[in-house]
Amino acid sequence: MKYIVGLGNPGEEYGLTKHNVGFMAVREIAESCGIDIDQKLYGALLGRGRVKDEGVIFLMPQTYMNLSGKSVGDLFKREKASIDDIIVICDDINLKLGRIRIRKKGSAGGHKGLTSIIEELGSSDFTRLRVGIATEVHKGDISGYVLTPFKRKDHKHVRHVIALAKDAVLYWIKNGTEKTMTKYNTVSVGTS
């Protein structure tokens, strides 16, 4: 079983914000595989199905970003999941829009959703796919930036990077993290 977790904030007002690219990616992947994310379980929206002959669970925590770990922790306890079988998709302010970065483990890098998951699981040894959202340089408090929608001129690039994230996750399901890192960490979609 593979667990694909997208991070974001619930509610219509956050739907198209930069902080919700994890939700956007998970919806895109599930939809492309014909899987509905419509169950309410573990404080999240959840979808189950099969992708490339592999059982998958899509999870979108509804606890708000900073408490995402609660849903992921509940899922792991109840499903008896292995940390090697999870990929977490989240936004990254330090990556330009159009880039993704896959890592097997590491720090939260200031991302509060990842911090919450690391605290709940007691480990940072899970795969994460970071989706670049930076369209300009930011210093200091970034909460206002990540909680605003992308500008209209960026929508095409957002669609392309979500499609890139989808391809990377589908590849990861069958090929694992190392091969996915090699194949996708150097790929980007242009934003100029």
N, C-alpha and C. Protein backbone atom coordinates (compact mmCIF):
# COMPACT_ATOMS: atom_id res chain seq x y z
N MET A 1 0.84 -1.19 0.00
CA MET A 1 0.00 0.00 0.00
C MET A 1 0.88 1.24 0.00
N LYS A 2 0.53 2.23 -0.81
CA LYS A 2 1.23 3.51 -0.85
C LYS A 2 0.29 4.60 -0.34
N TYR A 3 0.85 5.56 0.38
CA TYR A 3 0.08 6.63 1.01
C TYR A 3 0.54 7.96 0.43
N ILE A 4 -0.37 8.66 -0.23
CA ILE A 4 -0.06 9.92 -0.89
C ILE A 4 -0.80 11.02 -0.15
N VAL A 5 -0.05 11.84 0.55
CA VAL A 5 -0.62 12.87 1.43
C VAL A 5 -0.37 14.24 0.81
N GLY A 6 -1.43 15.00 0.64
CA GLY A 6 -1.31 16.37 0.16
C GLY A 6 -1.60 17.32 1.31
N LEU A 7 -0.77 18.34 1.48
CA LEU A 7 -0.97 19.30 2.56
C LEU A 7 -1.64 20.57 2.04
N GLY A 8 -2.49 21.11 2.90
CA GLY A 8 -3.20 22.35 2.56
C GLY A 8 -4.11 22.73 3.71
N ASN A 9 -4.94 23.71 3.45
CA ASN A 9 -5.93 24.17 4.42
C ASN A 9 -7.32 23.91 3.87
N PRO A 10 -8.24 23.42 4.70
CA PRO A 10 -9.60 23.19 4.23
C PRO A 10 -10.35 24.51 4.09
N GLY A 11 -11.40 24.50 3.32
CA GLY A 11 -12.25 25.67 3.18
C GLY A 11 -12.07 26.36 1.83
N GLU A 12 -13.18 26.84 1.32
CA GLU A 12 -13.20 27.48 0.01
C GLU A 12 -12.25 28.67 -0.08
N GLU A 13 -12.13 29.42 1.02
CA GLU A 13 -11.29 30.63 0.98
C GLU A 13 -9.81 30.32 0.77
N TYR A 14 -9.40 29.07 1.05
CA TYR A 14 -8.00 28.68 0.87
C TYR A 14 -7.77 27.86 -0.40
N GLY A 15 -8.83 27.48 -1.07
CA GLY A 15 -8.76 26.51 -2.16
C GLY A 15 -7.69 26.74 -3.19
N LEU A 16 -7.50 27.97 -3.63
CA LEU A 16 -6.55 28.25 -4.71
C LEU A 16 -5.32 29.01 -4.23
N THR A 17 -5.06 28.97 -2.92
CA THR A 17 -3.88 29.67 -2.40
C THR A 17 -2.62 28.85 -2.65
N LYS A 18 -1.49 29.53 -2.58
CA LYS A 18 -0.20 28.88 -2.82
C LYS A 18 0.07 27.75 -1.81
N HIS A 19 -0.40 27.93 -0.59
CA HIS A 19 -0.18 26.94 0.47
C HIS A 19 -0.94 25.63 0.18
N ASN A 20 -1.86 25.65 -0.77
CA ASN A 20 -2.70 24.49 -1.04
C ASN A 20 -2.27 23.68 -2.26
N VAL A 21 -1.05 23.88 -2.76
CA VAL A 21 -0.65 23.09 -3.93
C VAL A 21 -0.58 21.60 -3.62
N GLY A 22 -0.36 21.23 -2.37
CA GLY A 22 -0.39 19.81 -2.01
C GLY A 22 -1.76 19.21 -2.24
N PHE A 23 -2.80 19.92 -1.82
CA PHE A 23 -4.18 19.49 -2.09
C PHE A 23 -4.44 19.43 -3.59
N MET A 24 -4.01 20.47 -4.31
CA MET A 24 -4.23 20.52 -5.76
C MET A 24 -3.61 19.31 -6.45
N ALA A 25 -2.38 18.97 -6.05
CA ALA A 25 -1.68 17.84 -6.67
C ALA A 25 -2.37 16.52 -6.36
N VAL A 26 -2.76 16.31 -5.11
CA VAL A 26 -3.41 15.06 -4.74
C VAL A 26 -4.74 14.89 -5.48
N ARG A 27 -5.51 15.96 -5.59
CA ARG A 27 -6.77 15.88 -6.35
C ARG A 27 -6.50 15.50 -7.81
N GLU A 28 -5.49 16.13 -8.41
CA GLU A 28 -5.15 15.87 -9.81
C GLU A 28 -4.73 14.42 -10.01
N ILE A 29 -3.90 13.91 -9.12
CA ILE A 29 -3.42 12.52 -9.23
C ILE A 29 -4.59 11.55 -9.08
N ALA A 30 -5.39 11.75 -8.04
CA ALA A 30 -6.52 10.85 -7.79
C ALA A 30 -7.50 10.88 -8.96
N GLU A 31 -7.81 12.07 -9.44
CA GLU A 31 -8.75 12.19 -10.55
C GLU A 31 -8.23 11.49 -11.79
N SER A 32 -6.93 11.62 -12.07
CA SER A 32 -6.35 10.97 -13.25
C SER A 32 -6.41 9.45 -13.14
N CYS A 33 -6.51 8.94 -11.91
CA CYS A 33 -6.58 7.49 -11.67
C CYS A 33 -8.01 7.00 -11.43
N GLY A 34 -8.97 7.91 -11.54
CA GLY A 34 -10.37 7.53 -11.34
C GLY A 34 -10.72 7.23 -9.90
N ILE A 35 -10.02 7.84 -8.96
CA ILE A 35 -10.26 7.61 -7.53
C ILE A 35 -10.89 8.85 -6.91
N ASP A 36 -12.01 8.66 -6.21
CA ASP A 36 -12.68 9.76 -5.53
C ASP A 36 -12.10 9.93 -4.12
N ILE A 37 -11.84 11.17 -3.77
CA ILE A 37 -11.41 11.48 -2.40
C ILE A 37 -12.64 12.01 -1.69
N ASP A 38 -13.43 11.08 -1.14
CA ASP A 38 -14.73 11.48 -0.61
C ASP A 38 -15.07 10.87 0.75
N GLN A 39 -14.18 10.09 1.32
CA GLN A 39 -14.42 9.53 2.64
C GLN A 39 -13.91 10.51 3.70
N LYS A 40 -14.59 10.58 4.83
CA LYS A 40 -14.12 11.38 5.95
C LYS A 40 -13.61 10.42 7.02
N LEU A 41 -12.31 10.44 7.22
CA LEU A 41 -11.68 9.50 8.14
C LEU A 41 -10.35 10.11 8.60
N TYR A 42 -9.97 9.85 9.84
CA TYR A 42 -8.70 10.33 10.39
C TYR A 42 -8.58 11.86 10.36
N GLY A 43 -9.68 12.56 10.48
CA GLY A 43 -9.64 14.02 10.42
C GLY A 43 -9.21 14.52 9.06
N ALA A 44 -9.55 13.74 8.03
CA ALA A 44 -9.09 14.05 6.68
C ALA A 44 -10.14 13.62 5.66
N LEU A 45 -9.93 14.06 4.43
CA LEU A 45 -10.63 13.48 3.29
C LEU A 45 -9.72 12.41 2.72
N LEU A 46 -10.30 11.28 2.38
CA LEU A 46 -9.52 10.11 2.02
C LEU A 46 -10.12 9.43 0.80
N GLY A 47 -9.26 8.90 -0.04
CA GLY A 47 -9.69 8.10 -1.18
C GLY A 47 -8.84 6.85 -1.28
N ARG A 48 -9.48 5.73 -1.60
CA ARG A 48 -8.76 4.46 -1.73
C ARG A 48 -8.96 3.93 -3.14
N GLY A 49 -7.93 3.25 -3.62
CA GLY A 49 -8.05 2.64 -4.94
C GLY A 49 -6.77 1.90 -5.29
N ARG A 50 -6.61 1.66 -6.59
CA ARG A 50 -5.43 0.99 -7.09
C ARG A 50 -4.83 1.82 -8.22
N VAL A 51 -3.51 1.90 -8.21
CA VAL A 51 -2.77 2.59 -9.27
C VAL A 51 -1.64 1.67 -9.68
N LYS A 52 -1.60 1.32 -10.95
CA LYS A 52 -0.54 0.44 -11.47
C LYS A 52 -0.43 -0.82 -10.62
N ASP A 53 -1.55 -1.42 -10.31
CA ASP A 53 -1.64 -2.66 -9.52
C ASP A 53 -1.16 -2.52 -8.08
N GLU A 54 -1.05 -1.30 -7.60
CA GLU A 54 -0.64 -1.04 -6.22
C GLU A 54 -1.79 -0.38 -5.48
N GLY A 55 -2.10 -0.87 -4.28
CA GLY A 55 -3.11 -0.21 -3.47
C GLY A 55 -2.62 1.17 -3.04
N VAL A 56 -3.49 2.15 -3.10
CA VAL A 56 -3.11 3.51 -2.70
C VAL A 56 -4.19 4.13 -1.82
N ILE A 57 -3.74 4.99 -0.94
CA ILE A 57 -4.64 5.84 -0.16
C ILE A 57 -4.19 7.28 -0.36
N PHE A 58 -5.13 8.12 -0.78
CA PHE A 58 -4.89 9.55 -0.89
C PHE A 58 -5.46 10.20 0.36
N LEU A 59 -4.69 11.11 0.96
CA LEU A 59 -5.11 11.74 2.20
C LEU A 59 -4.93 13.25 2.11
N MET A 60 -5.98 13.97 2.47
CA MET A 60 -5.94 15.43 2.55
C MET A 60 -6.39 15.84 3.95
N PRO A 61 -5.43 16.06 4.88
CA PRO A 61 -5.81 16.43 6.25
C PRO A 61 -6.69 17.67 6.28
N GLN A 62 -7.71 17.63 7.11
CA GLN A 62 -8.65 18.76 7.23
C GLN A 62 -8.45 19.49 8.56
N THR A 63 -7.27 19.35 9.12
CA THR A 63 -6.95 19.90 10.44
C THR A 63 -6.28 21.26 10.37
N TYR A 64 -6.16 21.81 9.18
CA TYR A 64 -5.36 23.00 8.88
C TYR A 64 -3.89 22.60 8.89
N MET A 65 -3.13 23.34 8.12
CA MET A 65 -1.74 22.99 7.82
C MET A 65 -0.92 22.65 9.06
N ASN A 66 -0.97 23.52 10.07
CA ASN A 66 -0.07 23.37 11.22
C ASN A 66 -0.35 22.13 12.06
N LEU A 67 -1.48 21.47 11.86
CA LEU A 67 -1.82 20.25 12.61
C LEU A 67 -1.95 19.04 11.69
N SER A 68 -1.36 19.11 10.51
CA SER A 68 -1.47 18.01 9.54
C SER A 68 -1.01 16.68 10.10
N GLY A 69 -0.05 16.72 10.99
CA GLY A 69 0.49 15.48 11.56
C GLY A 69 -0.53 14.65 12.28
N LYS A 70 -1.55 15.28 12.87
CA LYS A 70 -2.58 14.52 13.59
C LYS A 70 -3.26 13.53 12.67
N SER A 71 -3.68 13.99 11.47
CA SER A 71 -4.33 13.09 10.50
C SER A 71 -3.38 12.00 10.02
N VAL A 72 -2.15 12.41 9.70
CA VAL A 72 -1.18 11.44 9.20
C VAL A 72 -0.84 10.42 10.28
N GLY A 73 -0.69 10.88 11.52
CA GLY A 73 -0.42 9.96 12.64
C GLY A 73 -1.55 8.97 12.85
N ASP A 74 -2.80 9.46 12.81
CA ASP A 74 -3.97 8.57 12.96
C ASP A 74 -4.00 7.53 11.84
N LEU A 75 -3.76 7.96 10.62
CA LEU A 75 -3.74 7.04 9.48
C LEU A 75 -2.69 5.95 9.71
N PHE A 76 -1.50 6.35 10.13
CA PHE A 76 -0.42 5.38 10.29
C PHE A 76 -0.69 4.39 11.40
N LYS A 77 -1.27 4.84 12.49
CA LYS A 77 -1.58 3.92 13.59
C LYS A 77 -2.66 2.93 13.19
N ARG A 78 -3.71 3.43 12.59
CA ARG A 78 -4.85 2.56 12.27
C ARG A 78 -4.59 1.64 11.09
N GLU A 79 -3.85 2.14 10.10
CA GLU A 79 -3.59 1.35 8.89
C GLU A 79 -2.33 0.49 9.03
N LYS A 80 -1.59 0.69 10.13
CA LYS A 80 -0.32 -0.02 10.34
C LYS A 80 0.61 0.19 9.14
N ALA A 81 0.73 1.45 8.75
CA ALA A 81 1.51 1.81 7.57
C ALA A 81 3.00 1.84 7.86
N SER A 82 3.78 1.68 6.82
CA SER A 82 5.25 1.81 6.91
C SER A 82 5.64 3.20 6.43
N ILE A 83 6.58 3.81 7.13
CA ILE A 83 7.03 5.15 6.76
C ILE A 83 7.67 5.16 5.37
N ASP A 84 8.14 4.01 4.91
CA ASP A 84 8.74 3.92 3.57
C ASP A 84 7.70 4.02 2.46
N ASP A 85 6.43 3.90 2.81
CA ASP A 85 5.37 3.88 1.80
C ASP A 85 4.58 5.18 1.71
N ILE A 86 5.13 6.26 2.29
CA ILE A 86 4.42 7.53 2.27
C ILE A 86 5.18 8.55 1.43
N ILE A 87 4.42 9.38 0.74
CA ILE A 87 4.96 10.56 0.10
C ILE A 87 4.06 11.73 0.49
N VAL A 88 4.67 12.80 0.95
CA VAL A 88 3.93 14.00 1.37
C VAL A 88 4.21 15.10 0.34
N ILE A 89 3.15 15.68 -0.18
CA ILE A 89 3.27 16.75 -1.18
C ILE A 89 2.92 18.07 -0.51
N CYS A 90 3.84 19.03 -0.60
CA CYS A 90 3.61 20.33 0.03
C CYS A 90 4.23 21.45 -0.80
N ASP A 91 3.89 22.67 -0.45
CA ASP A 91 4.46 23.84 -1.11
C ASP A 91 5.85 24.13 -0.56
N ASP A 92 6.63 24.85 -1.37
CA ASP A 92 7.96 25.28 -0.92
C ASP A 92 8.23 26.69 -1.42
N ILE A 93 8.32 27.63 -0.51
CA ILE A 93 8.57 29.04 -0.81
C ILE A 93 10.00 29.25 -1.32
N ASN A 94 10.89 28.31 -1.07
CA ASN A 94 12.29 28.45 -1.48
C ASN A 94 12.56 27.89 -2.87
N LEU A 95 11.55 27.32 -3.50
CA LEU A 95 11.68 26.83 -4.87
C LEU A 95 10.85 27.71 -5.80
N LYS A 96 11.40 28.02 -6.95
CA LYS A 96 10.66 28.81 -7.93
C LYS A 96 9.45 28.02 -8.43
N LEU A 97 8.38 28.74 -8.72
CA LEU A 97 7.22 28.12 -9.35
C LEU A 97 7.68 27.43 -10.64
N GLY A 98 7.33 26.17 -10.79
CA GLY A 98 7.76 25.39 -11.95
C GLY A 98 8.72 24.29 -11.59
N ARG A 99 9.25 24.31 -10.37
CA ARG A 99 10.20 23.29 -9.93
C ARG A 99 9.56 22.39 -8.88
N ILE A 100 10.00 21.15 -8.86
CA ILE A 100 9.66 20.24 -7.76
C ILE A 100 10.98 19.68 -7.22
N ARG A 101 10.95 19.24 -5.98
CA ARG A 101 12.11 18.59 -5.39
C ARG A 101 11.63 17.43 -4.53
N ILE A 102 12.20 16.28 -4.78
CA ILE A 102 11.86 15.07 -4.03
C ILE A 102 13.04 14.72 -3.13
N ARG A 103 12.74 14.41 -1.89
CA ARG A 103 13.77 14.00 -0.93
C ARG A 103 13.25 12.82 -0.12
N LYS A 104 14.17 11.95 0.27
CA LYS A 104 13.80 10.77 1.06
C LYS A 104 13.59 11.12 2.52
N LYS A 105 14.35 12.08 3.03
CA LYS A 105 14.21 12.47 4.42
C LYS A 105 14.82 13.85 4.58
N GLY A 106 14.73 14.39 5.77
CA GLY A 106 15.34 15.70 6.02
C GLY A 106 14.51 16.51 6.99
N SER A 107 14.93 17.73 7.15
CA SER A 107 14.23 18.61 8.08
C SER A 107 12.94 19.13 7.46
N ALA A 108 12.17 19.80 8.27
CA ALA A 108 10.93 20.41 7.78
C ALA A 108 11.21 21.66 6.97
N GLY A 109 12.39 22.23 7.11
CA GLY A 109 12.76 23.41 6.35
C GLY A 109 11.85 24.59 6.62
N GLY A 110 11.32 24.68 7.84
CA GLY A 110 10.44 25.78 8.19
C GLY A 110 8.98 25.57 7.81
N HIS A 111 8.66 24.44 7.18
CA HIS A 111 7.27 24.17 6.77
C HIS A 111 6.52 23.58 7.96
N LYS A 112 5.51 24.28 8.45
CA LYS A 112 4.82 23.86 9.68
C LYS A 112 4.02 22.58 9.51
N GLY A 113 3.53 22.32 8.30
CA GLY A 113 2.84 21.05 8.06
C GLY A 113 3.79 19.87 8.18
N LEU A 114 4.97 20.01 7.60
CA LEU A 114 5.98 18.95 7.72
C LEU A 114 6.46 18.80 9.15
N THR A 115 6.62 19.92 9.86
CA THR A 115 7.01 19.87 11.27
C THR A 115 6.02 19.05 12.07
N SER A 116 4.74 19.28 11.84
CA SER A 116 3.68 18.56 12.55
C SER A 116 3.75 17.06 12.26
N ILE A 117 3.98 16.70 11.01
CA ILE A 117 4.06 15.28 10.64
C ILE A 117 5.28 14.64 11.28
N ILE A 118 6.42 15.30 11.24
CA ILE A 118 7.64 14.77 11.85
C ILE A 118 7.43 14.54 13.34
N GLU A 119 6.79 15.49 14.02
CA GLU A 119 6.53 15.34 15.46
C GLU A 119 5.60 14.17 15.74
N GLU A 120 4.55 14.02 14.96
CA GLU A 120 3.59 12.92 15.19
C GLU A 120 4.18 11.55 14.90
N LEU A 121 4.96 11.46 13.80
CA LEU A 121 5.52 10.16 13.42
C LEU A 121 6.80 9.85 14.20
N GLY A 122 7.40 10.87 14.80
CA GLY A 122 8.65 10.66 15.51
C GLY A 122 9.81 10.37 14.58
N SER A 123 9.67 10.78 13.33
CA SER A 123 10.71 10.52 12.33
C SER A 123 10.55 11.49 11.17
N SER A 124 11.68 11.81 10.56
CA SER A 124 11.65 12.63 9.34
C SER A 124 12.04 11.79 8.12
N ASP A 125 12.04 10.47 8.29
CA ASP A 125 12.48 9.56 7.23
C ASP A 125 11.37 9.17 6.27
N PHE A 126 10.60 10.13 5.81
CA PHE A 126 9.56 9.86 4.82
C PHE A 126 9.84 10.71 3.59
N THR A 127 9.38 10.24 2.44
CA THR A 127 9.57 10.97 1.19
C THR A 127 8.67 12.18 1.16
N ARG A 128 9.24 13.29 0.72
CA ARG A 128 8.41 14.48 0.52
C ARG A 128 8.69 15.03 -0.87
N LEU A 129 7.63 15.51 -1.48
CA LEU A 129 7.72 16.16 -2.78
C LEU A 129 7.32 17.62 -2.56
N ARG A 130 8.28 18.49 -2.72
CA ARG A 130 8.05 19.92 -2.52
C ARG A 130 7.75 20.56 -3.88
N VAL A 131 6.70 21.35 -3.93
CA VAL A 131 6.30 22.04 -5.15
C VAL A 131 6.63 23.52 -4.98
N GLY A 132 7.46 24.03 -5.88
CA GLY A 132 7.85 25.43 -5.81
C GLY A 132 6.68 26.38 -6.04
N ILE A 133 6.59 27.39 -5.17
CA ILE A 133 5.51 28.39 -5.30
C ILE A 133 6.06 29.81 -5.40
N ALA A 134 7.38 29.97 -5.36
CA ALA A 134 7.96 31.31 -5.33
C ALA A 134 7.88 31.98 -6.70
N THR A 135 7.25 33.13 -6.73
CA THR A 135 7.20 33.92 -7.96
C THR A 135 7.95 35.23 -7.76
N GLU A 136 8.41 35.48 -6.54
CA GLU A 136 9.20 36.66 -6.22
C GLU A 136 9.99 36.37 -4.95
N VAL A 137 10.96 37.20 -4.64
CA VAL A 137 11.79 37.01 -3.45
C VAL A 137 11.04 37.49 -2.21
N HIS A 138 11.10 36.69 -1.11
CA HIS A 138 10.40 37.04 0.13
C HIS A 138 11.34 36.94 1.31
N LYS A 139 11.19 37.88 2.20
CA LYS A 139 11.95 37.86 3.46
C LYS A 139 10.98 38.14 4.59
N GLY A 140 11.32 37.66 5.78
CA GLY A 140 10.47 37.91 6.93
C GLY A 140 9.24 37.01 6.93
N ASP A 141 8.13 37.53 7.42
CA ASP A 141 6.89 36.77 7.55
C ASP A 141 6.30 36.47 6.18
N ILE A 142 6.19 35.18 5.85
CA ILE A 142 5.69 34.79 4.53
C ILE A 142 4.24 34.33 4.55
N SER A 143 3.60 34.37 5.74
CA SER A 143 2.24 33.82 5.84
C SER A 143 1.26 34.53 4.91
N GLY A 144 1.41 35.83 4.76
CA GLY A 144 0.52 36.55 3.85
C GLY A 144 0.68 36.10 2.41
N TYR A 145 1.92 35.83 2.02
CA TYR A 145 2.20 35.40 0.65
C TYR A 145 1.62 34.01 0.38
N VAL A 146 1.88 33.05 1.26
CA VAL A 146 1.44 31.67 0.99
C VAL A 146 -0.07 31.51 1.07
N LEU A 147 -0.74 32.44 1.75
CA LEU A 147 -2.20 32.34 1.90
C LEU A 147 -2.95 33.19 0.87
N THR A 148 -2.24 33.66 -0.16
CA THR A 148 -2.91 34.38 -1.24
C THR A 148 -2.93 33.49 -2.49
N PRO A 149 -3.93 33.70 -3.34
CA PRO A 149 -3.99 32.93 -4.59
C PRO A 149 -2.85 33.31 -5.54
N PHE A 150 -2.55 32.40 -6.45
CA PHE A 150 -1.60 32.73 -7.51
C PHE A 150 -2.22 33.80 -8.39
N LYS A 151 -1.38 34.64 -8.97
CA LYS A 151 -1.84 35.64 -9.91
C LYS A 151 -2.27 34.95 -11.20
N ARG A 152 -3.17 35.59 -11.92
CA ARG A 152 -3.70 35.00 -13.16
C ARG A 152 -2.57 34.63 -14.12
N LYS A 153 -1.54 35.46 -14.21
CA LYS A 153 -0.44 35.20 -15.14
C LYS A 153 0.33 33.93 -14.78
N ASP A 154 0.18 33.45 -13.55
CA ASP A 154 0.89 32.25 -13.10
C ASP A 154 0.08 30.96 -13.26
N HIS A 155 -1.19 31.06 -13.61
CA HIS A 155 -2.07 29.89 -13.62
C HIS A 155 -1.56 28.78 -14.56
N LYS A 156 -1.07 29.15 -15.72
CA LYS A 156 -0.57 28.14 -16.66
C LYS A 156 0.61 27.38 -16.04
N HIS A 157 1.50 28.09 -15.37
CA HIS A 157 2.66 27.45 -14.75
C HIS A 157 2.25 26.57 -13.57
N VAL A 158 1.22 27.00 -12.85
CA VAL A 158 0.70 26.18 -11.75
C VAL A 158 0.17 24.86 -12.31
N ARG A 159 -0.62 24.93 -13.37
CA ARG A 159 -1.15 23.69 -13.98
C ARG A 159 -0.02 22.78 -14.42
N HIS A 160 1.03 23.36 -15.01
CA HIS A 160 2.14 22.55 -15.49
C HIS A 160 2.92 21.90 -14.35
N VAL A 161 3.15 22.64 -13.26
CA VAL A 161 3.92 22.06 -12.15
C VAL A 161 3.09 21.01 -11.40
N ILE A 162 1.78 21.20 -11.35
CA ILE A 162 0.91 20.17 -10.74
C ILE A 162 0.95 18.90 -11.60
N ALA A 163 0.94 19.06 -12.93
CA ALA A 163 1.05 17.90 -13.82
C ALA A 163 2.41 17.21 -13.64
N LEU A 164 3.47 17.99 -13.44
CA LEU A 164 4.79 17.42 -13.20
C LEU A 164 4.82 16.64 -11.89
N ALA A 165 4.22 17.20 -10.84
CA ALA A 165 4.12 16.51 -9.56
C ALA A 165 3.33 15.21 -9.70
N LYS A 166 2.25 15.25 -10.47
CA LYS A 166 1.45 14.05 -10.71
C LYS A 166 2.30 12.97 -11.37
N ASP A 167 3.02 13.33 -12.42
CA ASP A 167 3.86 12.35 -13.10
C ASP A 167 4.91 11.76 -12.16
N ALA A 168 5.50 12.61 -11.33
CA ALA A 168 6.53 12.15 -10.39
C ALA A 168 5.95 11.16 -9.37
N VAL A 169 4.78 11.45 -8.85
CA VAL A 169 4.17 10.54 -7.86
C VAL A 169 3.78 9.21 -8.50
N LEU A 170 3.22 9.25 -9.68
CA LEU A 170 2.87 8.00 -10.37
C LEU A 170 4.12 7.17 -10.64
N TYR A 171 5.22 7.81 -10.97
CA TYR A 171 6.49 7.12 -11.18
C TYR A 171 7.00 6.55 -9.86
N TRP A 172 6.88 7.33 -8.78
CA TRP A 172 7.32 6.91 -7.45
C TRP A 172 6.60 5.65 -6.98
N ILE A 173 5.33 5.53 -7.27
CA ILE A 173 4.54 4.37 -6.82
C ILE A 173 5.20 3.07 -7.26
N LYS A 174 5.71 3.02 -8.47
CA LYS A 174 6.31 1.78 -8.99
C LYS A 174 7.82 1.72 -8.84
N ASN A 175 8.48 2.87 -8.77
CA ASN A 175 9.94 2.88 -8.87
C ASN A 175 10.68 3.33 -7.62
N GLY A 176 9.96 3.85 -6.63
CA GLY A 176 10.60 4.25 -5.39
C GLY A 176 11.23 5.63 -5.44
N THR A 177 11.75 6.05 -4.30
CA THR A 177 12.22 7.43 -4.14
C THR A 177 13.50 7.72 -4.90
N GLU A 178 14.49 6.84 -4.80
CA GLU A 178 15.79 7.13 -5.42
C GLU A 178 15.66 7.37 -6.92
N LYS A 179 14.99 6.47 -7.61
CA LYS A 179 14.82 6.61 -9.06
C LYS A 179 13.99 7.84 -9.39
N THR A 180 13.00 8.13 -8.57
CA THR A 180 12.16 9.31 -8.82
C THR A 180 12.96 10.59 -8.63
N MET A 181 13.82 10.63 -7.62
CA MET A 181 14.68 11.79 -7.43
C MET A 181 15.57 12.01 -8.65
N THR A 182 16.18 10.94 -9.13
CA THR A 182 17.08 11.03 -10.28
C THR A 182 16.34 11.54 -11.52
N LYS A 183 15.15 11.05 -11.72
CA LYS A 183 14.40 11.41 -12.92
C LYS A 183 13.78 12.80 -12.86
N TYR A 184 13.30 13.22 -11.68
CA TYR A 184 12.48 14.44 -11.62
C TYR A 184 13.11 15.65 -10.93
N ASN A 185 14.15 15.49 -10.15
CA ASN A 185 14.70 16.65 -9.45
C ASN A 185 15.36 17.66 -10.37
N THR A 186 15.68 17.28 -11.58
CA THR A 186 16.30 18.23 -12.52
C THR A 186 15.31 18.81 -13.52
N VAL A 187 14.06 18.38 -13.44
CA VAL A 187 13.04 18.83 -14.38
C VAL A 187 12.32 20.06 -13.83
N SER A 188 12.02 20.99 -14.70
CA SER A 188 11.19 22.13 -14.31
C SER A 188 10.37 22.58 -15.50
N VAL A 189 9.31 23.28 -15.22
CA VAL A 189 8.52 23.90 -16.28
C VAL A 189 8.78 25.39 -16.21
N GLY A 190 9.03 26.00 -17.34
CA GLY A 190 9.43 27.40 -17.39
C GLY A 190 8.40 28.36 -16.84
N THR A 191 8.88 29.42 -16.20
CA THR A 191 7.98 30.45 -15.69
C THR A 191 8.32 31.81 -16.27
N SER A 192 9.16 31.83 -17.29
CA SER A 192 9.50 33.13 -17.88
C SER A 192 8.76 33.35 -19.18
